N, C-alpha and C. Protein backbone atom coordinates (compact mmCIF):
# COMPACT_ATOMS: atom_id res chain seq x y z
N MET A 1 -24.26 -17.94 -29.31
CA MET A 1 -24.10 -16.73 -28.45
C MET A 1 -23.80 -17.40 -26.57
N LYS A 2 -24.95 -17.98 -26.19
CA LYS A 2 -24.65 -18.64 -24.89
C LYS A 2 -23.21 -19.28 -25.34
N LYS A 3 -23.09 -19.76 -25.50
CA LYS A 3 -21.33 -20.09 -25.78
C LYS A 3 -20.36 -19.90 -25.93
N TYR A 4 -20.68 -18.33 -26.41
CA TYR A 4 -19.46 -17.89 -26.72
C TYR A 4 -19.08 -17.03 -25.08
N VAL A 5 -20.10 -16.75 -24.35
CA VAL A 5 -20.60 -16.31 -23.07
C VAL A 5 -20.01 -16.76 -21.96
N LYS A 6 -20.18 -18.39 -22.23
CA LYS A 6 -19.65 -19.57 -21.44
C LYS A 6 -17.90 -19.43 -21.08
N ILE A 7 -17.21 -19.37 -22.59
CA ILE A 7 -15.76 -18.85 -23.26
C ILE A 7 -15.65 -18.35 -22.54
N ILE A 8 -16.19 -16.64 -22.39
CA ILE A 8 -15.41 -15.47 -22.08
C ILE A 8 -15.66 -16.05 -20.38
N LEU A 9 -16.72 -16.06 -20.03
CA LEU A 9 -16.87 -16.49 -18.38
C LEU A 9 -15.88 -17.23 -17.59
N ILE A 10 -15.44 -18.76 -18.93
CA ILE A 10 -14.32 -19.53 -18.34
C ILE A 10 -12.93 -19.10 -18.30
N ILE A 11 -12.77 -17.76 -19.04
CA ILE A 11 -11.32 -17.49 -19.24
C ILE A 11 -11.46 -16.70 -18.16
N ILE A 12 -12.39 -15.80 -17.60
CA ILE A 12 -12.09 -14.74 -16.69
C ILE A 12 -11.90 -15.60 -15.54
N GLY A 13 -12.86 -16.41 -15.66
CA GLY A 13 -12.49 -17.28 -13.82
C GLY A 13 -11.12 -17.91 -13.70
N ILE A 14 -10.40 -18.42 -14.63
CA ILE A 14 -8.95 -18.79 -15.48
C ILE A 14 -8.22 -17.35 -14.35
N LEU A 15 -8.37 -16.53 -15.22
CA LEU A 15 -7.98 -15.38 -15.23
C LEU A 15 -7.39 -14.76 -13.48
N LEU A 16 -8.64 -14.74 -13.15
CA LEU A 16 -9.25 -14.48 -11.93
C LEU A 16 -8.09 -15.50 -10.70
N ILE A 17 -8.34 -17.05 -10.51
CA ILE A 17 -7.97 -17.64 -9.99
C ILE A 17 -6.10 -17.38 -10.18
N PHE A 18 -5.68 -17.10 -11.29
CA PHE A 18 -4.50 -17.11 -11.93
C PHE A 18 -3.91 -15.91 -10.71
N LEU A 19 -3.99 -15.33 -11.11
CA LEU A 19 -4.00 -13.67 -10.10
C LEU A 19 -4.48 -14.38 -8.72
N VAL A 20 -4.82 -14.74 -8.26
CA VAL A 20 -5.27 -15.23 -6.62
C VAL A 20 -3.74 -15.81 -6.57
N ILE A 21 -3.26 -17.06 -7.35
CA ILE A 21 -2.19 -17.99 -6.71
C ILE A 21 -0.96 -16.92 -6.94
N ASP A 22 -0.89 -16.16 -8.06
CA ASP A 22 0.08 -15.26 -7.78
C ASP A 22 0.03 -14.13 -6.71
N ILE A 23 -1.18 -13.54 -6.17
CA ILE A 23 -0.64 -12.50 -5.44
C ILE A 23 -0.49 -13.26 -4.08
N MET A 24 -0.80 -14.85 -3.73
CA MET A 24 -0.93 -15.73 -2.47
C MET A 24 0.60 -16.36 -2.36
N GLN A 25 1.07 -16.47 -3.99
CA GLN A 25 2.48 -17.52 -3.74
C GLN A 25 3.55 -16.05 -3.43
N ALA A 26 3.40 -15.05 -3.98
CA ALA A 26 4.40 -13.67 -3.82
C ALA A 26 4.36 -13.41 -1.93
N LYS A 27 3.57 -13.70 -1.62
CA LYS A 27 3.12 -13.09 -0.22
C LYS A 27 3.58 -14.05 1.22
N PHE A 28 2.84 -15.34 0.38
CA PHE A 28 3.30 -16.15 1.73
C PHE A 28 4.36 -17.06 1.82
N LEU A 29 4.92 -17.09 0.40
CA LEU A 29 6.35 -17.20 -0.06
C LEU A 29 7.63 -16.87 -0.29
N ASN A 30 6.98 -15.76 0.37
CA ASN A 30 8.07 -14.30 -0.02
C ASN A 30 8.65 -14.39 -1.32
N ASN A 31 7.66 -14.24 -2.48
CA ASN A 31 8.80 -14.19 -4.30
C ASN A 31 7.72 -13.23 -4.66
N SER A 32 8.52 -12.88 -5.84
CA SER A 32 8.46 -11.59 -6.73
C SER A 32 7.15 -12.00 -6.92
N PRO A 33 5.93 -11.50 -7.54
CA PRO A 33 4.95 -11.16 -8.58
C PRO A 33 5.17 -12.25 -9.30
N ILE A 34 4.36 -12.90 -10.46
CA ILE A 34 4.52 -12.99 -11.81
C ILE A 34 4.05 -11.40 -12.30
N ILE A 35 3.23 -11.30 -12.47
CA ILE A 35 2.55 -9.59 -13.06
C ILE A 35 3.22 -9.15 -11.73
N LYS A 36 3.89 -7.91 -12.57
CA LYS A 36 4.76 -6.67 -11.99
C LYS A 36 5.09 -5.67 -12.66
N ILE A 37 5.52 -4.91 -12.08
CA ILE A 37 6.51 -3.66 -12.45
C ILE A 37 7.17 -3.33 -11.63
N THR A 38 8.97 -3.68 -12.87
CA THR A 38 10.17 -3.45 -11.92
C THR A 38 10.59 -1.95 -12.18
N LYS A 39 10.90 -1.96 -10.48
CA LYS A 39 11.66 -0.39 -10.36
C LYS A 39 13.27 -0.33 -9.86
N ASN A 40 13.92 0.34 -10.58
CA ASN A 40 15.46 -0.10 -10.52
C ASN A 40 15.90 0.79 -9.12
N ILE A 41 16.71 0.77 -8.15
CA ILE A 41 17.03 2.07 -7.57
C ILE A 41 18.76 1.94 -6.97
N ASP A 42 19.14 2.19 -7.76
CA ASP A 42 20.44 3.03 -7.03
C ASP A 42 20.80 3.67 -6.05
N GLY A 43 22.14 3.27 -5.16
CA GLY A 43 22.67 3.63 -4.25
C GLY A 43 21.72 3.75 -3.10
N SER A 44 21.46 3.24 -2.61
CA SER A 44 20.61 3.11 -1.38
C SER A 44 20.36 1.68 -1.19
N ASP A 45 19.65 1.04 0.65
CA ASP A 45 19.65 -0.12 0.76
C ASP A 45 18.89 -1.32 -0.08
N LEU A 46 18.02 -0.16 -0.78
CA LEU A 46 17.38 -0.96 -1.70
C LEU A 46 17.37 -0.95 -3.17
N ASP A 47 17.84 -2.30 -3.74
CA ASP A 47 18.24 -2.24 -5.06
C ASP A 47 16.80 -2.20 -6.07
N LYS A 48 16.26 -2.79 -6.09
CA LYS A 48 14.66 -2.82 -6.58
C LYS A 48 13.87 -2.85 -5.63
N LEU A 49 12.55 -2.46 -6.68
CA LEU A 49 11.06 -2.90 -5.93
C LEU A 49 10.54 -3.37 -7.31
N ASP A 50 9.42 -4.38 -6.57
CA ASP A 50 8.89 -4.82 -7.79
C ASP A 50 7.21 -4.82 -6.79
N VAL A 51 6.52 -4.28 -7.97
CA VAL A 51 4.93 -4.20 -7.99
C VAL A 51 3.96 -4.96 -8.59
N GLY A 52 3.26 -5.66 -7.46
CA GLY A 52 2.75 -6.18 -8.29
C GLY A 52 1.32 -5.57 -8.15
N ILE A 53 0.37 -6.74 -8.07
CA ILE A 53 -0.97 -6.28 -7.84
C ILE A 53 -2.23 -5.63 -6.90
N LEU A 54 -1.56 -7.03 -5.68
CA LEU A 54 -1.33 -6.03 -4.50
C LEU A 54 -0.44 -6.04 -3.60
N THR A 55 0.49 -6.25 -3.69
CA THR A 55 1.61 -6.87 -3.24
C THR A 55 3.14 -6.18 -4.01
N LYS A 56 4.44 -5.81 -2.78
CA LYS A 56 5.73 -5.12 -3.35
C LYS A 56 6.69 -5.98 -3.12
N THR A 57 7.48 -6.30 -4.01
CA THR A 57 8.10 -6.81 -3.29
C THR A 57 9.91 -6.53 -3.39
N TYR A 58 10.38 -6.31 -1.88
CA TYR A 58 11.60 -5.42 -1.85
C TYR A 58 12.57 -6.67 -1.83
N TYR A 59 14.06 -5.90 -2.96
CA TYR A 59 15.33 -6.09 -3.19
C TYR A 59 16.25 -5.64 -2.23
N CYS A 60 16.41 -5.87 -0.46
CA CYS A 60 17.16 -4.99 -0.53
C CYS A 60 18.64 -5.43 -0.52
N VAL A 61 19.80 -5.17 0.60
CA VAL A 61 20.85 -5.59 -0.24
C VAL A 61 21.69 -6.87 0.29
N ASP A 62 20.74 -7.02 1.80
CA ASP A 62 21.19 -8.70 1.90
C ASP A 62 19.93 -9.25 2.55
N THR A 63 18.85 -8.94 2.11
CA THR A 63 17.07 -9.33 2.16
C THR A 63 16.28 -9.15 0.78
N LYS A 64 15.06 -10.22 0.91
CA LYS A 64 14.24 -10.08 0.00
C LYS A 64 13.09 -9.99 0.65
N LYS A 65 11.79 -9.18 0.67
CA LYS A 65 10.63 -9.11 1.45
C LYS A 65 9.80 -8.33 0.75
N THR A 66 8.30 -9.79 0.70
CA THR A 66 7.16 -9.14 0.27
C THR A 66 5.82 -9.37 0.75
N ILE A 67 5.49 -8.02 0.75
CA ILE A 67 4.27 -7.53 1.53
C ILE A 67 2.89 -6.78 0.95
N PHE A 68 1.90 -6.58 1.32
CA PHE A 68 1.14 -6.26 0.57
C PHE A 68 0.91 -4.66 0.17
N LYS A 69 0.45 -4.11 -0.35
CA LYS A 69 0.73 -2.48 -0.84
C LYS A 69 0.15 -1.71 0.60
N TRP A 70 -0.63 -2.01 1.45
CA TRP A 70 -1.14 -1.23 2.27
C TRP A 70 0.00 -1.33 3.88
N GLU A 71 0.95 -2.23 3.62
CA GLU A 71 1.92 -2.62 4.86
C GLU A 71 3.22 -1.56 4.61
N GLU A 72 3.80 -1.57 5.51
CA GLU A 72 5.14 -0.87 5.75
C GLU A 72 5.89 -1.78 5.57
N TYR A 73 6.90 -1.10 4.82
CA TYR A 73 8.29 -1.88 5.25
C TYR A 73 9.37 -0.93 4.96
N THR A 74 10.60 -1.57 5.41
CA THR A 74 11.87 -0.03 5.24
C THR A 74 12.60 -1.64 5.08
N CYS A 75 13.85 -1.24 4.22
CA CYS A 75 14.66 -1.75 4.21
C CYS A 75 15.96 -1.86 5.24
N PRO A 76 16.60 -2.83 5.76
CA PRO A 76 17.59 -2.80 6.64
C PRO A 76 18.79 -2.17 6.59
N ASN A 77 19.37 -1.09 7.29
CA ASN A 77 20.51 -0.18 6.80
C ASN A 77 22.04 -1.00 7.25
N THR A 78 22.36 -1.36 6.08
CA THR A 78 23.76 -2.14 5.99
C THR A 78 24.86 -1.00 6.13
N ILE A 79 24.66 0.45 6.25
CA ILE A 79 25.59 1.58 6.40
C ILE A 79 26.34 1.75 7.67
N ASN A 80 27.45 1.56 8.21
CA ASN A 80 27.67 1.21 9.61
C ASN A 80 28.74 2.71 9.90
N ASN A 81 28.63 3.68 9.31
CA ASN A 81 29.27 4.72 9.40
C ASN A 81 28.86 6.21 9.65
N ILE A 82 29.66 7.47 9.76
CA ILE A 82 28.80 8.34 10.37
C ILE A 82 27.86 9.43 9.17
N ASP A 83 28.21 8.96 7.85
CA ASP A 83 27.72 9.47 6.97
C ASP A 83 26.33 8.70 5.81
N ASP A 84 25.55 7.80 6.92
CA ASP A 84 24.93 6.70 6.68
C ASP A 84 23.12 7.54 6.45
N SER A 85 23.44 8.36 6.81
CA SER A 85 22.12 9.45 6.94
C SER A 85 21.71 10.19 5.47
N PRO A 86 20.49 10.07 5.26
CA PRO A 86 19.69 10.26 3.80
C PRO A 86 20.65 11.98 3.60
N THR A 87 20.69 11.82 2.27
CA THR A 87 21.30 13.03 1.94
C THR A 87 20.60 14.53 2.46
N ALA A 88 18.96 14.51 2.01
CA ALA A 88 18.52 15.69 2.88
C ALA A 88 18.14 15.69 4.02
N SER A 89 18.89 15.17 4.66
CA SER A 89 19.29 15.49 6.12
C SER A 89 20.49 16.33 6.51
N LYS A 90 20.88 16.23 5.28
CA LYS A 90 22.13 17.04 5.45
C LYS A 90 22.00 18.78 5.25
N ILE A 91 20.92 18.98 4.61
CA ILE A 91 20.67 20.38 4.45
C ILE A 91 19.62 20.58 5.25
N THR A 92 19.33 22.10 5.62
CA THR A 92 18.70 22.23 6.46
C THR A 92 17.08 22.78 5.49
N TRP A 93 15.72 22.68 5.85
CA TRP A 93 14.74 22.18 5.42
C TRP A 93 13.65 23.63 6.57
N ASP A 94 14.13 24.31 6.56
CA ASP A 94 13.16 25.22 7.49
C ASP A 94 12.27 25.59 6.52
N GLU A 95 12.24 25.87 5.42
CA GLU A 95 10.58 26.17 4.53
C GLU A 95 9.35 25.18 4.57
N ILE A 96 9.83 23.86 5.23
CA ILE A 96 8.78 22.96 5.64
C ILE A 96 8.15 22.50 7.04
N THR A 97 7.47 22.87 6.99
CA THR A 97 6.79 23.38 8.81
C THR A 97 5.47 22.10 9.08
N LYS A 98 5.15 22.38 10.22
CA LYS A 98 3.53 21.35 10.01
C LYS A 98 2.53 22.13 9.90
N ASN A 99 2.62 23.89 10.12
CA ASN A 99 1.81 24.58 8.74
C ASN A 99 1.78 24.20 7.52
N GLY A 100 2.71 23.94 6.75
CA GLY A 100 2.77 23.93 5.45
C GLY A 100 4.28 24.39 5.09
N VAL A 101 4.17 24.61 3.49
CA VAL A 101 5.59 25.44 3.10
C VAL A 101 5.57 27.00 3.64
N ASN A 102 6.92 27.71 3.82
CA ASN A 102 7.25 28.56 4.02
C ASN A 102 7.54 29.29 2.63
N GLU A 103 6.96 29.57 1.30
CA GLU A 103 7.37 29.34 0.35
C GLU A 103 8.01 31.50 0.06
N GLU A 104 8.17 32.00 0.61
CA GLU A 104 9.12 33.21 0.92
C GLU A 104 10.77 32.47 1.02
N LEU A 105 10.48 31.81 2.46
CA LEU A 105 11.92 31.52 2.71
C LEU A 105 12.58 30.49 1.81
N LEU A 106 11.46 29.45 1.20
CA LEU A 106 11.64 29.06 -0.16
C LEU A 106 12.65 29.47 -1.03
N LEU A 107 12.20 30.34 -1.69
CA LEU A 107 12.43 31.16 -3.34
C LEU A 107 13.78 32.28 -2.53
N GLN A 108 14.07 32.45 -0.98
CA GLN A 108 15.30 33.24 -1.19
C GLN A 108 16.47 32.13 -0.86
N ASN A 109 16.28 30.89 -0.60
CA ASN A 109 17.30 29.75 -0.64
C ASN A 109 17.43 29.05 -2.00
N ILE A 110 17.08 29.19 -3.23
CA ILE A 110 16.80 28.90 -4.16
C ILE A 110 18.09 29.77 -4.92
N ASP A 111 18.57 28.83 -5.44
CA ASP A 111 19.97 28.98 -6.97
C ASP A 111 19.27 29.12 -7.60
N ILE A 112 19.44 30.45 -8.31
CA ILE A 112 18.67 30.83 -9.51
C ILE A 112 19.51 30.08 -10.63
N ASP A 113 20.48 29.84 -10.79
CA ASP A 113 21.14 29.19 -12.21
C ASP A 113 21.34 27.80 -11.75
N VAL A 114 20.86 27.03 -10.68
CA VAL A 114 20.58 25.68 -10.52
C VAL A 114 18.85 25.56 -11.39
N LEU A 115 18.36 26.04 -10.88
CA LEU A 115 17.10 25.82 -10.44
C LEU A 115 16.81 26.19 -12.33
N ASN A 116 17.41 27.35 -13.46
CA ASN A 116 17.06 27.03 -14.77
C ASN A 116 17.48 25.94 -15.36
N GLU A 117 19.10 25.66 -14.67
CA GLU A 117 19.71 24.68 -15.37
C GLU A 117 18.63 23.51 -15.15
N ILE A 118 17.80 23.08 -14.34
CA ILE A 118 17.39 22.06 -13.90
C ILE A 118 16.09 22.00 -14.98
N GLY A 119 15.60 23.72 -14.78
CA GLY A 119 14.20 23.18 -15.88
C GLY A 119 14.53 23.14 -17.58
N SER A 120 15.67 23.69 -17.60
CA SER A 120 15.77 23.83 -19.03
C SER A 120 16.31 22.18 -19.41
N GLU A 121 16.89 21.08 -18.54
CA GLU A 121 17.12 20.05 -18.85
C GLU A 121 16.23 19.00 -19.18
N LEU A 122 15.74 19.64 -17.77
CA LEU A 122 14.09 18.42 -18.02
C LEU A 122 13.12 18.79 -18.97
N GLN A 123 12.97 19.75 -19.29
CA GLN A 123 11.56 20.96 -20.45
C GLN A 123 12.32 20.22 -21.70
N THR A 124 13.41 19.90 -21.87
CA THR A 124 14.69 19.32 -23.43
C THR A 124 14.11 18.03 -22.97
N LEU A 125 14.49 17.63 -22.01
CA LEU A 125 14.17 15.89 -22.48
C LEU A 125 12.99 15.23 -22.48
N VAL A 126 11.68 15.84 -22.07
CA VAL A 126 10.42 15.82 -21.94
C VAL A 126 10.35 15.88 -23.69
N ASN A 127 10.57 17.15 -23.94
CA ASN A 127 10.31 16.77 -25.74
C ASN A 127 10.78 16.23 -26.43
N GLU A 128 12.32 15.76 -26.01
CA GLU A 128 12.79 15.07 -26.79
C GLU A 128 12.28 13.48 -27.13
N ALA A 129 11.69 13.50 -26.03
CA ALA A 129 10.83 12.13 -25.72
C ALA A 129 9.71 11.83 -26.47
N TYR A 130 9.02 12.73 -26.21
CA TYR A 130 7.83 13.26 -26.99
C TYR A 130 8.08 13.10 -28.67
N GLU A 131 9.27 13.62 -29.17
CA GLU A 131 9.95 13.86 -30.48
C GLU A 131 9.92 12.06 -30.72
N GLU A 132 10.26 11.48 -29.92
CA GLU A 132 10.63 10.26 -29.99
C GLU A 132 9.65 9.55 -30.08
N GLU A 133 8.64 9.35 -29.53
CA GLU A 133 7.18 8.58 -29.75
C GLU A 133 7.11 9.45 -31.02
N ARG A 134 6.80 10.29 -31.44
CA ARG A 134 6.15 10.63 -32.55
C ARG A 134 6.98 10.25 -33.99
N ALA A 135 7.66 9.96 -33.95
CA ALA A 135 8.76 9.39 -34.83
C ALA A 135 8.77 7.81 -34.97
N ASN A 136 8.86 6.76 -33.68
CA ASN A 136 9.18 5.78 -32.97
C ASN A 136 8.00 5.43 -32.07
N PRO A 137 6.44 5.14 -32.80
CA PRO A 137 5.02 5.01 -31.37
C PRO A 137 5.26 3.80 -31.12
N GLU A 138 6.18 3.18 -31.74
CA GLU A 138 6.66 1.77 -30.80
C GLU A 138 7.24 1.60 -30.22
N ILE A 139 7.93 2.60 -29.71
CA ILE A 139 9.05 2.69 -28.48
C ILE A 139 8.21 2.76 -27.15
N ILE A 140 6.95 3.04 -27.16
CA ILE A 140 5.95 3.17 -25.87
C ILE A 140 5.94 2.21 -25.15
N PHE A 141 5.51 0.96 -26.28
CA PHE A 141 5.02 -0.12 -25.51
C PHE A 141 6.34 -0.84 -25.94
N THR A 142 7.80 -0.90 -26.21
CA THR A 142 8.66 -1.42 -25.78
C THR A 142 9.93 -1.27 -25.19
N GLU A 143 9.85 0.05 -25.00
CA GLU A 143 10.53 0.22 -23.67
C GLU A 143 9.93 1.82 -22.59
N GLY A 144 8.54 2.14 -22.95
CA GLY A 144 7.50 2.67 -21.93
C GLY A 144 8.55 3.73 -21.31
N TRP A 145 7.74 4.76 -20.97
CA TRP A 145 8.08 6.18 -20.64
C TRP A 145 9.39 6.06 -19.84
N ALA A 146 9.25 5.19 -19.06
CA ALA A 146 10.59 5.19 -17.76
C ALA A 146 11.97 5.36 -18.40
N ARG A 147 11.86 4.69 -19.79
CA ARG A 147 13.14 5.00 -20.26
C ARG A 147 14.07 6.21 -20.45
N ILE A 148 13.48 7.10 -19.89
CA ILE A 148 13.99 8.06 -20.11
C ILE A 148 14.96 9.00 -18.69
N LEU A 149 14.62 7.99 -17.79
CA LEU A 149 15.24 8.24 -16.56
C LEU A 149 16.51 7.66 -16.73
N GLU A 150 16.79 6.44 -17.42
CA GLU A 150 18.33 6.18 -18.19
C GLU A 150 18.59 7.28 -19.13
N TYR A 151 18.30 8.57 -19.69
CA TYR A 151 18.92 9.08 -20.73
C TYR A 151 20.23 10.12 -19.67
N ASP A 152 20.62 10.78 -20.47
CA ASP A 152 21.37 11.50 -19.85
C ASP A 152 21.37 12.74 -19.39
N ARG A 153 20.06 13.68 -20.00
CA ARG A 153 19.59 14.91 -19.43
C ARG A 153 19.39 14.72 -18.04
N PHE A 154 18.28 13.50 -17.78
CA PHE A 154 17.96 13.06 -16.08
C PHE A 154 19.23 12.54 -15.27
N LYS A 155 20.10 12.14 -16.12
CA LYS A 155 21.18 11.98 -14.73
C LYS A 155 22.03 12.95 -14.91
N LYS A 156 22.18 13.56 -15.27
CA LYS A 156 22.87 15.43 -15.05
C LYS A 156 22.33 15.81 -14.12
N VAL A 157 21.04 15.82 -14.06
CA VAL A 157 20.32 16.48 -13.31
C VAL A 157 20.42 15.97 -11.82
N VAL A 158 20.40 14.93 -11.45
CA VAL A 158 20.40 13.86 -10.28
C VAL A 158 22.14 14.01 -9.87
N ASP A 159 22.91 14.07 -10.91
CA ASP A 159 24.31 14.62 -10.58
C ASP A 159 24.53 15.73 -9.80
N ILE A 160 23.43 16.92 -10.14
CA ILE A 160 24.26 18.31 -9.20
C ILE A 160 24.31 18.18 -7.96
N GLY A 161 23.13 17.00 -7.21
CA GLY A 161 23.04 16.83 -5.77
C GLY A 161 22.63 17.31 -5.24
N VAL A 162 22.80 17.77 -3.89
CA VAL A 162 22.25 18.84 -3.04
C VAL A 162 21.91 20.17 -3.12
N PRO A 163 22.93 20.40 -3.99
CA PRO A 163 22.48 22.38 -4.81
C PRO A 163 21.21 22.17 -5.57
N ALA A 164 20.49 20.43 -5.56
CA ALA A 164 19.77 21.00 -7.13
C ALA A 164 18.14 20.54 -6.09
N MET A 165 18.02 20.19 -5.36
CA MET A 165 17.26 19.64 -4.16
C MET A 165 16.14 20.51 -3.89
N LYS A 166 16.65 21.49 -3.34
CA LYS A 166 15.23 22.69 -3.05
C LYS A 166 14.76 23.44 -4.59
N PRO A 167 15.89 23.85 -5.51
CA PRO A 167 15.24 23.99 -6.99
C PRO A 167 14.19 22.95 -7.20
N LEU A 168 14.38 21.46 -7.10
CA LEU A 168 13.17 20.78 -7.75
C LEU A 168 12.26 20.47 -7.05
N TYR A 169 12.12 21.02 -5.73
CA TYR A 169 11.05 21.04 -4.68
C TYR A 169 10.24 22.10 -5.12
N LEU A 170 11.02 23.32 -5.19
CA LEU A 170 9.82 24.12 -5.96
C LEU A 170 9.02 24.45 -7.24
N ILE A 171 9.82 23.39 -8.08
CA ILE A 171 9.34 23.11 -9.46
C ILE A 171 7.97 22.67 -9.33
N ILE A 172 8.09 21.71 -8.60
CA ILE A 172 6.78 20.75 -8.01
C ILE A 172 5.69 21.36 -7.24
N TYR A 173 6.44 22.53 -6.34
CA TYR A 173 5.46 22.72 -5.20
C TYR A 173 5.02 23.97 -6.59
N LYS A 174 5.47 24.64 -6.87
CA LYS A 174 4.90 25.49 -7.54
C LYS A 174 3.80 25.31 -8.74
N SER A 175 4.08 24.42 -9.43
CA SER A 175 3.45 24.13 -11.01
C SER A 175 1.88 23.62 -10.85
N GLN A 176 1.33 23.43 -11.71
CA GLN A 176 -0.43 23.29 -11.42
C GLN A 176 -0.62 22.17 -11.82
N ASN A 177 0.38 21.67 -12.81
CA ASN A 177 0.39 20.50 -13.59
C ASN A 177 1.10 19.32 -12.80
N ARG A 178 0.46 18.01 -12.85
CA ARG A 178 1.02 16.99 -12.56
C ARG A 178 1.54 16.30 -13.78
N GLY A 179 2.08 16.41 -14.66
CA GLY A 179 2.64 15.28 -16.08
C GLY A 179 4.01 14.52 -15.71
N VAL A 180 4.50 15.04 -16.53
CA VAL A 180 5.83 13.84 -17.41
C VAL A 180 7.02 14.94 -16.48
N TYR A 181 6.91 16.06 -16.61
CA TYR A 181 7.95 16.94 -16.27
C TYR A 181 7.89 16.69 -14.86
N GLU A 182 6.67 17.22 -13.43
CA GLU A 182 6.28 16.96 -12.45
C GLU A 182 6.73 15.62 -11.88
N TYR A 183 7.34 14.51 -12.74
CA TYR A 183 6.81 13.53 -11.87
C TYR A 183 8.92 13.29 -12.11
N LEU A 184 9.16 13.59 -13.39
CA LEU A 184 10.62 13.66 -13.64
C LEU A 184 11.45 14.58 -11.93
N CYS A 185 10.44 15.60 -11.69
CA CYS A 185 11.29 16.27 -10.45
C CYS A 185 11.37 15.63 -9.52
N ALA A 186 10.23 14.78 -9.53
CA ALA A 186 10.24 14.41 -8.13
C ALA A 186 10.79 12.92 -8.02
N TYR A 187 10.95 12.20 -9.04
CA TYR A 187 12.04 10.90 -8.94
C TYR A 187 13.57 11.53 -8.69
N ALA A 188 14.14 12.51 -9.48
CA ALA A 188 15.26 13.27 -9.05
C ALA A 188 15.52 13.47 -7.90
N LEU A 189 14.18 14.55 -7.44
CA LEU A 189 14.46 14.30 -5.70
C LEU A 189 14.59 13.10 -4.97
N TYR A 190 13.63 12.92 -5.16
CA TYR A 190 13.90 11.25 -4.72
C TYR A 190 15.32 10.66 -4.51
N GLN A 191 15.82 10.20 -5.48
CA GLN A 191 17.23 9.61 -5.52
C GLN A 191 18.50 10.30 -5.22
N ILE A 192 18.23 11.85 -4.83
CA ILE A 192 18.98 12.52 -4.59
C ILE A 192 19.03 12.33 -2.59
N SER A 193 17.98 12.46 -2.44
CA SER A 193 17.25 12.85 -0.95
C SER A 193 17.51 11.12 -0.83
N GLY A 194 17.84 10.42 -1.26
CA GLY A 194 17.98 8.99 -0.67
C GLY A 194 17.16 8.76 0.36
N TYR A 195 16.05 8.89 0.44
CA TYR A 195 15.21 8.40 1.57
C TYR A 195 14.39 7.20 0.60
N GLU A 196 13.59 6.01 1.10
CA GLU A 196 13.45 5.58 0.95
C GLU A 196 11.66 5.22 1.51
N PHE A 197 10.79 5.51 0.30
CA PHE A 197 9.33 5.60 0.47
C PHE A 197 8.74 4.76 -0.52
N PHE A 198 7.81 4.08 -0.92
CA PHE A 198 6.97 4.31 -2.12
C PHE A 198 5.41 5.20 -2.20
N TRP A 199 6.33 5.79 -3.52
CA TRP A 199 5.09 6.50 -3.92
C TRP A 199 4.88 6.57 -5.41
N SER A 200 3.47 6.59 -5.68
CA SER A 200 3.31 6.37 -7.61
C SER A 200 3.17 7.51 -7.85
N THR A 201 2.58 8.63 -7.36
CA THR A 201 1.85 9.93 -8.27
C THR A 201 2.55 11.16 -7.26
N THR A 202 3.10 12.09 -8.24
CA THR A 202 4.05 13.27 -7.51
C THR A 202 3.28 14.12 -6.18
N ASP A 203 1.92 14.18 -6.48
CA ASP A 203 1.49 14.37 -5.01
C ASP A 203 1.38 13.32 -3.75
N GLU A 204 1.67 11.77 -4.26
CA GLU A 204 2.02 11.38 -3.26
C GLU A 204 3.24 11.34 -2.64
N PHE A 205 4.32 11.53 -3.35
CA PHE A 205 5.93 11.52 -3.51
C PHE A 205 6.17 13.09 -2.07
N MET A 206 5.42 14.28 -3.23
CA MET A 206 5.52 15.57 -1.88
C MET A 206 5.11 15.07 -0.47
N ASP A 207 3.32 14.31 -0.83
CA ASP A 207 3.28 14.30 0.71
C ASP A 207 4.33 13.94 1.69
N LYS A 208 4.81 12.48 1.33
CA LYS A 208 5.67 11.45 2.09
C LYS A 208 6.91 12.09 2.26
N PHE A 209 7.00 12.72 1.11
CA PHE A 209 8.59 13.74 1.28
C PHE A 209 8.69 14.94 2.76
N ASN A 210 7.50 15.64 2.66
CA ASN A 210 7.05 16.32 3.92
C ASN A 210 7.30 16.03 5.31
N GLU A 211 6.33 14.83 5.13
CA GLU A 211 6.35 13.59 6.73
C GLU A 211 7.52 13.43 6.88
N GLN A 212 8.62 13.12 6.00
CA GLN A 212 9.83 12.47 6.20
C GLN A 212 10.80 13.73 6.75
N ILE A 213 10.70 15.17 6.33
CA ILE A 213 11.35 16.24 6.88
C ILE A 213 10.85 16.64 8.35
N LEU A 214 9.51 16.30 8.48
CA LEU A 214 9.46 16.98 9.91
C LEU A 214 9.29 15.93 10.73
N LYS A 215 9.13 14.40 10.40
CA LYS A 215 9.90 13.19 11.93
C LYS A 215 11.05 13.46 11.49
N GLU A 216 11.91 13.98 10.85
CA GLU A 216 12.98 14.17 11.14
C GLU A 216 13.59 15.01 12.49
N LYS A 217 12.84 16.49 11.85
CA LYS A 217 12.51 17.90 12.61
C LYS A 217 12.50 17.11 14.19
N GLU A 218 11.65 16.70 14.28
CA GLU A 218 11.14 16.36 15.65
C GLU A 218 12.00 15.32 16.22
N SER A 219 13.28 14.31 15.68
CA SER A 219 14.02 13.88 16.05
C SER A 219 14.99 14.16 16.30
N GLU A 220 15.28 15.85 16.17
CA GLU A 220 16.30 15.95 16.15
C GLU A 220 16.69 16.96 17.65
């Protein structure tokens, strides 16, 4: 029995040493961590983001930068024309204030047809994904749930562009849930907005999105 405990402790020790080495080589050699989750990002100065145990590696258009998760970093802006501002700044967000969200104004500024289209496409996408997983459970491990970000229904919502932003925001804001459906709405809004900030949950996205809007208002 003691022999097995000793073996287990040795294995745990080796794993811990490997994790420390992986974190250190990523941070101090500006490398991507070996143990990571890769997020591909299109249409911005950030091509992809490797998220490790304690580090994040930014693959910008011209540079690569590894930082600890508690640090902040923004890719250098490589676009030098009059249209280089984030998409979100091209529309007016009077609904988002320092005192919270003006829900009445937000509802007034929603395109109902776009709202219904988004709701239909994304809810159908979620249902189809669940059916796909029930028919083929292995797909959860081989491709993961993030596969649906590459499906046509999700891309169709993103392709709506600016008119989809406030309907997406409303869906997240009003929903009492924080599941895959709400995450898809947040990710679609993130892609359309053109903003670049790290987030992992829908609530974190909403907080940072609101902060970004308020910062822009203060700079006007």
